[in-house]
Amino acid sequence: MMQYEIFKESIKDASPPEAISLYLLGMWYDAHGNWDKAHSMVDNLNDETACWVHAYLHRKEGDIWNADYWYRKAGRKRPDTNLQQEWETIVKALL
């Protein structure tokens, strides 16, 4: 199982780590500066985890109405933390 610090360090690499979930792959691409690729990882998934990542991505995009829709689908509320804190929370939960 990958640890948080190792995952975070991998963002400096040109390619994502192998054998990680689509959810983590989305979070990796987001941190790597590729929102579109991150979004494509979860866009067609409807489970609660994908919806959580999807919500975060739309919050980051600034589309709060859409983000709130995805938070509801994930069974969550939009957090009152900053985006970096939410990113860390999601990644740690996924690891």
PDB file of N, CA and C in Angstrom:
ATOM      1  N   MET A   1       0.835  -1.179   0.000  1.00  0.00           N
ATOM      2  CA  MET A   1       0.000   0.000   0.000  1.00  0.00           C
ATOM      3  C   MET A   1       0.883   1.247   0.000  1.00  0.00           C
ATOM      4  N   MET A   2       0.556   2.185  -0.850  1.00  0.00           N
ATOM      5  CA  MET A   2       1.351   3.407  -0.965  1.00  0.00           C
ATOM      6  C   MET A   2       1.050   4.354   0.201  1.00  0.00           C
ATOM      7  N   GLN A   3       2.068   5.011   0.679  1.00  0.00           N
ATOM      8  CA  GLN A   3       1.906   5.993   1.741  1.00  0.00           C
ATOM      9  C   GLN A   3       1.687   7.378   1.137  1.00  0.00           C
ATOM     10  N   TYR A   4       1.069   8.238   1.926  1.00  0.00           N
ATOM     11  CA  TYR A   4       0.728   9.587   1.465  1.00  0.00           C
ATOM     12  C   TYR A   4       1.950  10.340   0.957  1.00  0.00           C
ATOM     13  N   GLU A   5       3.034  10.350   1.724  1.00  0.00           N
ATOM     14  CA  GLU A   5       4.214  11.125   1.331  1.00  0.00           C
ATOM     15  C   GLU A   5       4.811  10.622   0.012  1.00  0.00           C
ATOM     16  N   ILE A   6       4.776   9.321  -0.192  1.00  0.00           N
ATOM     17  CA  ILE A   6       5.292   8.754  -1.445  1.00  0.00           C
ATOM     18  C   ILE A   6       4.401   9.186  -2.603  1.00  0.00           C
ATOM     19  N   PHE A   7       3.078   9.134  -2.382  1.00  0.00           N
ATOM     20  CA  PHE A   7       2.148   9.577  -3.426  1.00  0.00           C
ATOM     21  C   PHE A   7       2.373  11.052  -3.748  1.00  0.00           C
ATOM     22  N   LYS A   8       2.492  11.859  -2.719  1.00  0.00           N
ATOM     23  CA  LYS A   8       2.698  13.298  -2.916  1.00  0.00           C
ATOM     24  C   LYS A   8       3.999  13.569  -3.670  1.00  0.00           C
ATOM     25  N   GLU A   9       5.051  12.854  -3.347  1.00  0.00           N
ATOM     26  CA  GLU A   9       6.333  13.015  -4.044  1.00  0.00           C
ATOM     27  C   GLU A   9       6.222  12.612  -5.513  1.00  0.00           C
ATOM     28  N   SER A  10       5.357  11.658  -5.813  1.00  0.00           N
ATOM     29  CA  SER A  10       5.216  11.173  -7.191  1.00  0.00           C
ATOM     30  C   SER A  10       4.672  12.245  -8.133  1.00  0.00           C
ATOM     31  N   ILE A  11       4.105  13.283  -7.584  1.00  0.00           N
ATOM     32  CA  ILE A  11       3.561  14.362  -8.414  1.00  0.00           C
ATOM     33  C   ILE A  11       4.678  15.069  -9.184  1.00  0.00           C
ATOM     34  N   LYS A  12       5.890  14.982  -8.675  1.00  0.00           N
ATOM     35  CA  LYS A  12       7.034  15.572  -9.363  1.00  0.00           C
ATOM     36  C   LYS A  12       7.452  14.764 -10.588  1.00  0.00           C
ATOM     37  N   ASP A  13       6.997  13.513 -10.656  1.00  0.00           N
ATOM     38  CA  ASP A  13       7.360  12.635 -11.760  1.00  0.00           C
ATOM     39  C   ASP A  13       6.557  12.974 -13.013  1.00  0.00           C
ATOM     40  N   ALA A  14       7.054  12.558 -14.151  1.00  0.00           N
ATOM     41  CA  ALA A  14       6.369  12.806 -15.423  1.00  0.00           C
ATOM     42  C   ALA A  14       5.148  11.918 -15.610  1.00  0.00           C
ATOM     43  N   SER A  15       5.151  10.767 -14.963  1.00  0.00           N
ATOM     44  CA  SER A  15       4.056   9.812 -15.087  1.00  0.00           C
ATOM     45  C   SER A  15       3.537   9.432 -13.708  1.00  0.00           C
ATOM     46  N   PRO A  16       2.262   9.091 -13.626  1.00  0.00           N
ATOM     47  CA  PRO A  16       1.709   8.691 -12.324  1.00  0.00           C
ATOM     48  C   PRO A  16       2.235   7.330 -11.892  1.00  0.00           C
ATOM     49  N   PRO A  17       2.107   7.031 -10.615  1.00  0.00           N
ATOM     50  CA  PRO A  17       2.512   5.713 -10.140  1.00  0.00           C
ATOM     51  C   PRO A  17       1.668   4.621 -10.814  1.00  0.00           C
ATOM     52  N   GLU A  18       2.245   3.459 -10.925  1.00  0.00           N
ATOM     53  CA  GLU A  18       1.515   2.337 -11.520  1.00  0.00           C
ATOM     54  C   GLU A  18       0.580   1.720 -10.489  1.00  0.00           C
ATOM     55  N   ALA A  19      -0.434   1.073 -10.998  1.00  0.00           N
ATOM     56  CA  ALA A  19      -1.355   0.272 -10.179  1.00  0.00           C
ATOM     57  C   ALA A  19      -2.049   1.078  -9.079  1.00  0.00           C
ATOM     58  N   ILE A  20      -2.511   2.278  -9.414  1.00  0.00           N
ATOM     59  CA  ILE A  20      -3.324   3.028  -8.459  1.00  0.00           C
ATOM     60  C   ILE A  20      -4.746   3.109  -9.015  1.00  0.00           C
ATOM     61  N   SER A  21      -5.698   3.375  -8.150  1.00  0.00           N
ATOM     62  CA  SER A  21      -7.098   3.439  -8.556  1.00  0.00           C
ATOM     63  C   SER A  21      -7.348   4.631  -9.489  1.00  0.00           C
ATOM     64  N   LEU A  22      -8.447   4.571 -10.200  1.00  0.00           N
ATOM     65  CA  LEU A  22      -8.831   5.708 -11.044  1.00  0.00           C
ATOM     66  C   LEU A  22      -9.032   6.964 -10.205  1.00  0.00           C
ATOM     67  N   TYR A  23      -9.522   6.783  -8.987  1.00  0.00           N
ATOM     68  CA  TYR A  23      -9.735   7.930  -8.100  1.00  0.00           C
ATOM     69  C   TYR A  23      -8.407   8.620  -7.780  1.00  0.00           C
ATOM     70  N   LEU A  24      -7.429   7.812  -7.374  1.00  0.00           N
ATOM     71  CA  LEU A  24      -6.109   8.376  -7.072  1.00  0.00           C
ATOM     72  C   LEU A  24      -5.446   8.926  -8.325  1.00  0.00           C
ATOM     73  N   LEU A  25      -5.676   8.272  -9.432  1.00  0.00           N
ATOM     74  CA  LEU A  25      -5.138   8.769 -10.694  1.00  0.00           C
ATOM     75  C   LEU A  25      -5.707  10.159 -10.995  1.00  0.00           C
ATOM     76  N   GLY A  26      -6.995  10.332 -10.751  1.00  0.00           N
ATOM     77  CA  GLY A  26      -7.607  11.645 -10.927  1.00  0.00           C
ATOM     78  C   GLY A  26      -6.988  12.689 -10.014  1.00  0.00           C
ATOM     79  N   MET A  27      -6.750  12.317  -8.768  1.00  0.00           N
ATOM     80  CA  MET A  27      -6.152  13.260  -7.827  1.00  0.00           C
ATOM     81  C   MET A  27      -4.710  13.565  -8.217  1.00  0.00           C
ATOM     82  N   TRP A  28      -4.007  12.559  -8.743  1.00  0.00           N
ATOM     83  CA  TRP A  28      -2.629  12.778  -9.197  1.00  0.00           C
ATOM     84  C   TRP A  28      -2.610  13.765 -10.354  1.00  0.00           C
ATOM     85  N   TYR A  29      -3.464  13.535 -11.358  1.00  0.00           N
ATOM     86  CA  TYR A  29      -3.499  14.458 -12.503  1.00  0.00           C
ATOM     87  C   TYR A  29      -3.906  15.862 -12.071  1.00  0.00           C
ATOM     88  N   ASP A  30      -4.824  15.957 -11.128  1.00  0.00           N
ATOM     89  CA  ASP A  30      -5.210  17.279 -10.623  1.00  0.00           C
ATOM     90  C   ASP A  30      -4.005  17.990 -10.026  1.00  0.00           C
ATOM     91  N   ALA A  31      -3.290  17.307  -9.159  1.00  0.00           N
ATOM     92  CA  ALA A  31      -2.113  17.921  -8.522  1.00  0.00           C
ATOM     93  C   ALA A  31      -1.007  18.184  -9.528  1.00  0.00           C
ATOM     94  N   HIS A  32      -1.006  17.437 -10.607  1.00  0.00           N
ATOM     95  CA  HIS A  32      -0.004  17.590 -11.658  1.00  0.00           C
ATOM     96  C   HIS A  32      -0.371  18.735 -12.604  1.00  0.00           C
ATOM     97  N   GLY A  33      -1.529  19.358 -12.380  1.00  0.00           N
ATOM     98  CA  GLY A  33      -1.941  20.507 -13.174  1.00  0.00           C
ATOM     99  C   GLY A  33      -2.779  20.179 -14.389  1.00  0.00           C
ATOM    100  N   ASN A  34      -3.318  18.959 -14.449  1.00  0.00           N
ATOM    101  CA  ASN A  34      -4.113  18.558 -15.601  1.00  0.00           C
ATOM    102  C   ASN A  34      -5.542  18.262 -15.143  1.00  0.00           C
ATOM    103  N   TRP A  35      -6.323  19.330 -14.942  1.00  0.00           N
ATOM    104  CA  TRP A  35      -7.693  19.199 -14.458  1.00  0.00           C
ATOM    105  C   TRP A  35      -8.533  18.367 -15.421  1.00  0.00           C
ATOM    106  N   ASP A  36      -8.396  18.595 -16.717  1.00  0.00           N
ATOM    107  CA  ASP A  36      -9.205  17.863 -17.692  1.00  0.00           C
ATOM    108  C   ASP A  36      -8.967  16.356 -17.609  1.00  0.00           C
ATOM    109  N   LYS A  37      -7.730  15.956 -17.505  1.00  0.00           N
ATOM    110  CA  LYS A  37      -7.405  14.532 -17.391  1.00  0.00           C
ATOM    111  C   LYS A  37      -7.938  13.988 -16.069  1.00  0.00           C
ATOM    112  N   ALA A  38      -7.797  14.763 -15.004  1.00  0.00           N
ATOM    113  CA  ALA A  38      -8.322  14.348 -13.701  1.00  0.00           C
ATOM    114  C   ALA A  38      -9.825  14.120 -13.789  1.00  0.00           C
ATOM    115  N   HIS A  39     -10.509  15.060 -14.403  1.00  0.00           N
ATOM    116  CA  HIS A  39     -11.959  14.971 -14.543  1.00  0.00           C
ATOM    117  C   HIS A  39     -12.353  13.747 -15.368  1.00  0.00           C
ATOM    118  N   SER A  40     -11.605  13.453 -16.395  1.00  0.00           N
ATOM    119  CA  SER A  40     -11.935  12.313 -17.253  1.00  0.00           C
ATOM    120  C   SER A  40     -11.810  10.978 -16.511  1.00  0.00           C
ATOM    121  N   MET A  41     -11.041  10.939 -15.442  1.00  0.00           N
ATOM    122  CA  MET A  41     -10.882   9.702 -14.675  1.00  0.00           C
ATOM    123  C   MET A  41     -12.170   9.325 -13.942  1.00  0.00           C
ATOM    124  N   VAL A  42     -12.953  10.316 -13.548  1.00  0.00           N
ATOM    125  CA  VAL A  42     -14.145  10.046 -12.727  1.00  0.00           C
ATOM    126  C   VAL A  42     -15.452  10.462 -13.392  1.00  0.00           C
ATOM    127  N   ASP A  43     -15.373  11.090 -14.521  1.00  0.00           N
ATOM    128  CA  ASP A  43     -16.559  11.662 -15.163  1.00  0.00           C
ATOM    129  C   ASP A  43     -17.653  10.636 -15.452  1.00  0.00           C
ATOM    130  N   ASN A  44     -17.295   9.421 -15.779  1.00  0.00           N
ATOM    131  CA  ASN A  44     -18.292   8.412 -16.132  1.00  0.00           C
ATOM    132  C   ASN A  44     -18.529   7.387 -15.026  1.00  0.00           C
ATOM    133  N   LEU A  45     -18.037   7.666 -13.831  1.00  0.00           N
ATOM    134  CA  LEU A  45     -18.242   6.774 -12.688  1.00  0.00           C
ATOM    135  C   LEU A  45     -19.284   7.391 -11.761  1.00  0.00           C
ATOM    136  N   ASN A  46     -20.097   6.570 -11.145  1.00  0.00           N
ATOM    137  CA  ASN A  46     -21.170   7.101 -10.299  1.00  0.00           C
ATOM    138  C   ASN A  46     -21.151   6.598  -8.868  1.00  0.00           C
ATOM    139  N   ASP A  47     -20.098   5.881  -8.470  1.00  0.00           N
ATOM    140  CA  ASP A  47     -20.036   5.443  -7.081  1.00  0.00           C
ATOM    141  C   ASP A  47     -19.698   6.644  -6.187  1.00  0.00           C
ATOM    142  N   GLU A  48     -19.904   6.486  -4.890  1.00  0.00           N
ATOM    143  CA  GLU A  48     -19.726   7.613  -3.966  1.00  0.00           C
ATOM    144  C   GLU A  48     -18.311   8.171  -3.969  1.00  0.00           C
ATOM    145  N   THR A  49     -17.326   7.320  -4.114  1.00  0.00           N
ATOM    146  CA  THR A  49     -15.940   7.796  -4.116  1.00  0.00           C
ATOM    147  C   THR A  49     -15.672   8.660  -5.348  1.00  0.00           C
ATOM    148  N   ALA A  50     -16.108   8.180  -6.497  1.00  0.00           N
ATOM    149  CA  ALA A  50     -15.936   8.963  -7.733  1.00  0.00           C
ATOM    150  C   ALA A  50     -16.680  10.284  -7.621  1.00  0.00           C
ATOM    151  N   CYS A  51     -17.861  10.258  -7.044  1.00  0.00           N
ATOM    152  CA  CYS A  51     -18.637  11.491  -6.877  1.00  0.00           C
ATOM    153  C   CYS A  51     -17.925  12.479  -5.968  1.00  0.00           C
ATOM    154  N   TRP A  52     -17.235  11.981  -4.945  1.00  0.00           N
ATOM    155  CA  TRP A  52     -16.470  12.842  -4.039  1.00  0.00           C
ATOM    156  C   TRP A  52     -15.332  13.520  -4.786  1.00  0.00           C
ATOM    157  N   VAL A  53     -14.574  12.745  -5.549  1.00  0.00           N
ATOM    158  CA  VAL A  53     -13.481  13.315  -6.339  1.00  0.00           C
ATOM    159  C   VAL A  53     -14.045  14.302  -7.358  1.00  0.00           C
ATOM    160  N   HIS A  54     -15.133  13.936  -7.989  1.00  0.00           N
ATOM    161  CA  HIS A  54     -15.784  14.785  -8.984  1.00  0.00           C
ATOM    162  C   HIS A  54     -16.209  16.114  -8.348  1.00  0.00           C
ATOM    163  N   ALA A  55     -16.788  16.030  -7.152  1.00  0.00           N
ATOM    164  CA  ALA A  55     -17.206  17.238  -6.433  1.00  0.00           C
ATOM    165  C   ALA A  55     -16.022  18.153  -6.167  1.00  0.00           C
ATOM    166  N   TYR A  56     -14.945  17.576  -5.656  1.00  0.00           N
ATOM    167  CA  TYR A  56     -13.740  18.356  -5.383  1.00  0.00           C
ATOM    168  C   TYR A  56     -13.251  19.060  -6.656  1.00  0.00           C
ATOM    169  N   LEU A  57     -13.218  18.331  -7.767  1.00  0.00           N
ATOM    170  CA  LEU A  57     -12.721  18.914  -9.020  1.00  0.00           C
ATOM    171  C   LEU A  57     -13.583  20.089  -9.472  1.00  0.00           C
ATOM    172  N   HIS A  58     -14.905  19.959  -9.346  1.00  0.00           N
ATOM    173  CA  HIS A  58     -15.762  21.079  -9.740  1.00  0.00           C
ATOM    174  C   HIS A  58     -15.654  22.241  -8.750  1.00  0.00           C
ATOM    175  N   ARG A  59     -15.424  21.938  -7.490  1.00  0.00           N
ATOM    176  CA  ARG A  59     -15.177  23.017  -6.521  1.00  0.00           C
ATOM    177  C   ARG A  59     -13.911  23.769  -6.914  1.00  0.00           C
ATOM    178  N   LYS A  60     -12.885  23.021  -7.271  1.00  0.00           N
ATOM    179  CA  LYS A  60     -11.621  23.650  -7.670  1.00  0.00           C
ATOM    180  C   LYS A  60     -11.818  24.500  -8.919  1.00  0.00           C
ATOM    181  N   GLU A  61     -12.654  24.016  -9.816  1.00  0.00           N
ATOM    182  CA  GLU A  61     -12.945  24.735 -11.059  1.00  0.00           C
ATOM    183  C   GLU A  61     -13.705  26.029 -10.784  1.00  0.00           C
ATOM    184  N   GLY A  62     -14.367  26.085  -9.630  1.00  0.00           N
ATOM    185  CA  GLY A  62     -15.166  27.265  -9.298  1.00  0.00           C
ATOM    186  C   GLY A  62     -16.637  27.100  -9.612  1.00  0.00           C
ATOM    187  N   ASP A  63     -17.022  25.909 -10.046  1.00  0.00           N
ATOM    188  CA  ASP A  63     -18.413  25.616 -10.383  1.00  0.00           C
ATOM    189  C   ASP A  63     -19.088  25.046  -9.129  1.00  0.00           C
ATOM    190  N   ILE A  64     -19.422  25.925  -8.200  1.00  0.00           N
ATOM    191  CA  ILE A  64     -19.913  25.508  -6.883  1.00  0.00           C
ATOM    192  C   ILE A  64     -21.254  24.795  -6.968  1.00  0.00           C
ATOM    193  N   TRP A  65     -22.151  25.267  -7.818  1.00  0.00           N
ATOM    194  CA  TRP A  65     -23.447  24.592  -7.950  1.00  0.00           C
ATOM    195  C   TRP A  65     -23.248  23.134  -8.355  1.00  0.00           C
ATOM    196  N   ASN A  66     -22.417  22.903  -9.359  1.00  0.00           N
ATOM    197  CA  ASN A  66     -22.145  21.560  -9.832  1.00  0.00           C
ATOM    198  C   ASN A  66     -21.394  20.751  -8.768  1.00  0.00           C
ATOM    199  N   ALA A  67     -20.461  21.389  -8.091  1.00  0.00           N
ATOM    200  CA  ALA A  67     -19.732  20.713  -7.017  1.00  0.00           C
ATOM    201  C   ALA A  67     -20.703  20.229  -5.942  1.00  0.00           C
ATOM    202  N   ASP A  68     -21.627  21.084  -5.544  1.00  0.00           N
ATOM    203  CA  ASP A  68     -22.588  20.704  -4.504  1.00  0.00           C
ATOM    204  C   ASP A  68     -23.460  19.529  -4.947  1.00  0.00           C
ATOM    205  N   TYR A  69     -23.806  19.487  -6.214  1.00  0.00           N
ATOM    206  CA  TYR A  69     -24.553  18.358  -6.755  1.00  0.00           C
ATOM    207  C   TYR A  69     -23.764  17.057  -6.540  1.00  0.00           C
ATOM    208  N   TRP A  70     -22.470  17.081  -6.870  1.00  0.00           N
ATOM    209  CA  TRP A  70     -21.643  15.885  -6.738  1.00  0.00           C
ATOM    210  C   TRP A  70     -21.370  15.546  -5.284  1.00  0.00           C
ATOM    211  N   TYR A  71     -21.239  16.554  -4.414  1.00  0.00           N
ATOM    212  CA  TYR A  71     -21.106  16.265  -2.985  1.00  0.00           C
ATOM    213  C   TYR A  71     -22.348  15.535  -2.485  1.00  0.00           C
ATOM    214  N   ARG A  72     -23.526  15.978  -2.896  1.00  0.00           N
ATOM    215  CA  ARG A  72     -24.764  15.303  -2.483  1.00  0.00           C
ATOM    216  C   ARG A  72     -24.759  13.856  -2.967  1.00  0.00           C
ATOM    217  N   LYS A  73     -24.363  13.626  -4.215  1.00  0.00           N
ATOM    218  CA  LYS A  73     -24.304  12.262  -4.749  1.00  0.00           C
ATOM    219  C   LYS A  73     -23.292  11.408  -3.985  1.00  0.00           C
ATOM    220  N   ALA A  74     -22.278  12.048  -3.433  1.00  0.00           N
ATOM    221  CA  ALA A  74     -21.256  11.338  -2.651  1.00  0.00           C
ATOM    222  C   ALA A  74     -21.687  11.149  -1.197  1.00  0.00           C
ATOM    223  N   GLY A  75     -22.836  11.723  -0.829  1.00  0.00           N
ATOM    224  CA  GLY A  75     -23.299  11.639   0.552  1.00  0.00           C
ATOM    225  C   GLY A  75     -22.503  12.530   1.481  1.00  0.00           C
ATOM    226  N   ARG A  76     -22.007  13.640   0.933  1.00  0.00           N
ATOM    227  CA  ARG A  76     -21.160  14.565   1.694  1.00  0.00           C
ATOM    228  C   ARG A  76     -21.652  15.996   1.528  1.00  0.00           C
ATOM    229  N   LYS A  77     -21.100  16.859   2.340  1.00  0.00           N
ATOM    230  CA  LYS A  77     -21.329  18.298   2.199  1.00  0.00           C
ATOM    231  C   LYS A  77     -20.008  18.940   1.807  1.00  0.00           C
ATOM    232  N   ARG A  78     -20.109  20.049   1.095  1.00  0.00           N
ATOM    233  CA  ARG A  78     -18.896  20.781   0.722  1.00  0.00           C
ATOM    234  C   ARG A  78     -18.156  21.185   2.001  1.00  0.00           C
ATOM    235  N   PRO A  79     -16.870  20.860   2.101  1.00  0.00           N
ATOM    236  CA  PRO A  79     -16.138  21.183   3.324  1.00  0.00           C
ATOM    237  C   PRO A  79     -15.833  22.678   3.402  1.00  0.00           C
ATOM    238  N   ASP A  80     -15.545  23.123   4.612  1.00  0.00           N
ATOM    239  CA  ASP A  80     -15.164  24.528   4.785  1.00  0.00           C
ATOM    240  C   ASP A  80     -13.649  24.666   4.892  1.00  0.00           C
ATOM    241  N   THR A  81     -12.939  23.675   4.370  1.00  0.00           N
ATOM    242  CA  THR A  81     -11.482  23.723   4.313  1.00  0.00           C
ATOM    243  C   THR A  81     -11.047  24.294   2.971  1.00  0.00           C
ATOM    244  N   ASN A  82      -9.775  24.619   2.850  1.00  0.00           N
ATOM    245  CA  ASN A  82      -9.286  25.094   1.557  1.00  0.00           C
ATOM    246  C   ASN A  82      -9.085  23.894   0.623  1.00  0.00           C
ATOM    247  N   LEU A  83      -8.844  24.172  -0.631  1.00  0.00           N
ATOM    248  CA  LEU A  83      -8.730  23.111  -1.626  1.00  0.00           C
ATOM    249  C   LEU A  83      -7.563  22.169  -1.341  1.00  0.00           C
ATOM    250  N   GLN A  84      -6.441  22.697  -0.903  1.00  0.00           N
ATOM    251  CA  GLN A  84      -5.287  21.844  -0.596  1.00  0.00           C
ATOM    252  C   GLN A  84      -5.605  20.885   0.540  1.00  0.00           C
ATOM    253  N   GLN A  85      -6.292  21.377   1.553  1.00  0.00           N
ATOM    254  CA  GLN A  85      -6.664  20.513   2.672  1.00  0.00           C
ATOM    255  C   GLN A  85      -7.638  19.431   2.212  1.00  0.00           C
ATOM    256  N   GLU A  86      -8.571  19.796   1.352  1.00  0.00           N
ATOM    257  CA  GLU A  86      -9.510  18.794   0.852  1.00  0.00           C
ATOM    258  C   GLU A  86      -8.782  17.759  -0.004  1.00  0.00           C
ATOM    259  N   TRP A  87      -7.851  18.208  -0.847  1.00  0.00           N
ATOM    260  CA  TRP A  87      -7.077  17.284  -1.667  1.00  0.00           C
ATOM    261  C   TRP A  87      -6.377  16.261  -0.766  1.00  0.00           C
ATOM    262  N   GLU A  88      -5.727  16.748   0.287  1.00  0.00           N
ATOM    263  CA  GLU A  88      -5.018  15.862   1.205  1.00  0.00           C
ATOM    264  C   GLU A  88      -5.977  14.879   1.876  1.00  0.00           C
ATOM    265  N   THR A  89      -7.125  15.363   2.304  1.00  0.00           N
ATOM    266  CA  THR A  89      -8.130  14.509   2.958  1.00  0.00           C
ATOM    267  C   THR A  89      -8.577  13.392   2.025  1.00  0.00           C
ATOM    268  N   ILE A  90      -8.864  13.749   0.778  1.00  0.00           N
ATOM    269  CA  ILE A  90      -9.325  12.740  -0.180  1.00  0.00           C
ATOM    270  C   ILE A  90      -8.223  11.727  -0.451  1.00  0.00           C
ATOM    271  N   VAL A  91      -7.029  12.201  -0.735  1.00  0.00           N
ATOM    272  CA  VAL A  91      -5.929  11.287  -1.061  1.00  0.00           C
ATOM    273  C   VAL A  91      -5.655  10.349   0.110  1.00  0.00           C
ATOM    274  N   LYS A  92      -5.605  10.880   1.309  1.00  0.00           N
ATOM    275  CA  LYS A  92      -5.354  10.027   2.480  1.00  0.00           C
ATOM    276  C   LYS A  92      -6.458   8.993   2.656  1.00  0.00           C
ATOM    277  N   ALA A  93      -7.693   9.373   2.396  1.00  0.00           N
ATOM    278  CA  ALA A  93      -8.815   8.429   2.498  1.00  0.00           C
ATOM    279  C   ALA A  93      -8.709   7.336   1.432  1.00  0.00           C
ATOM    280  N   LEU A  94      -8.208   7.696   0.261  1.00  0.00           N
ATOM    281  CA  LEU A  94      -8.106   6.735  -0.841  1.00  0.00           C
ATOM    282  C   LEU A  94      -6.923   5.786  -0.683  1.00  0.00           C
ATOM    283  N   LEU A  95      -5.915   6.237   0.034  1.00  0.00           N
ATOM    284  CA  LEU A  95      -4.746   5.393   0.239  1.00  0.00           C
ATOM    285  C   LEU A  95      -5.033   4.386   1.328  1.00  0.00           C
TER     286      LEU A  95
END
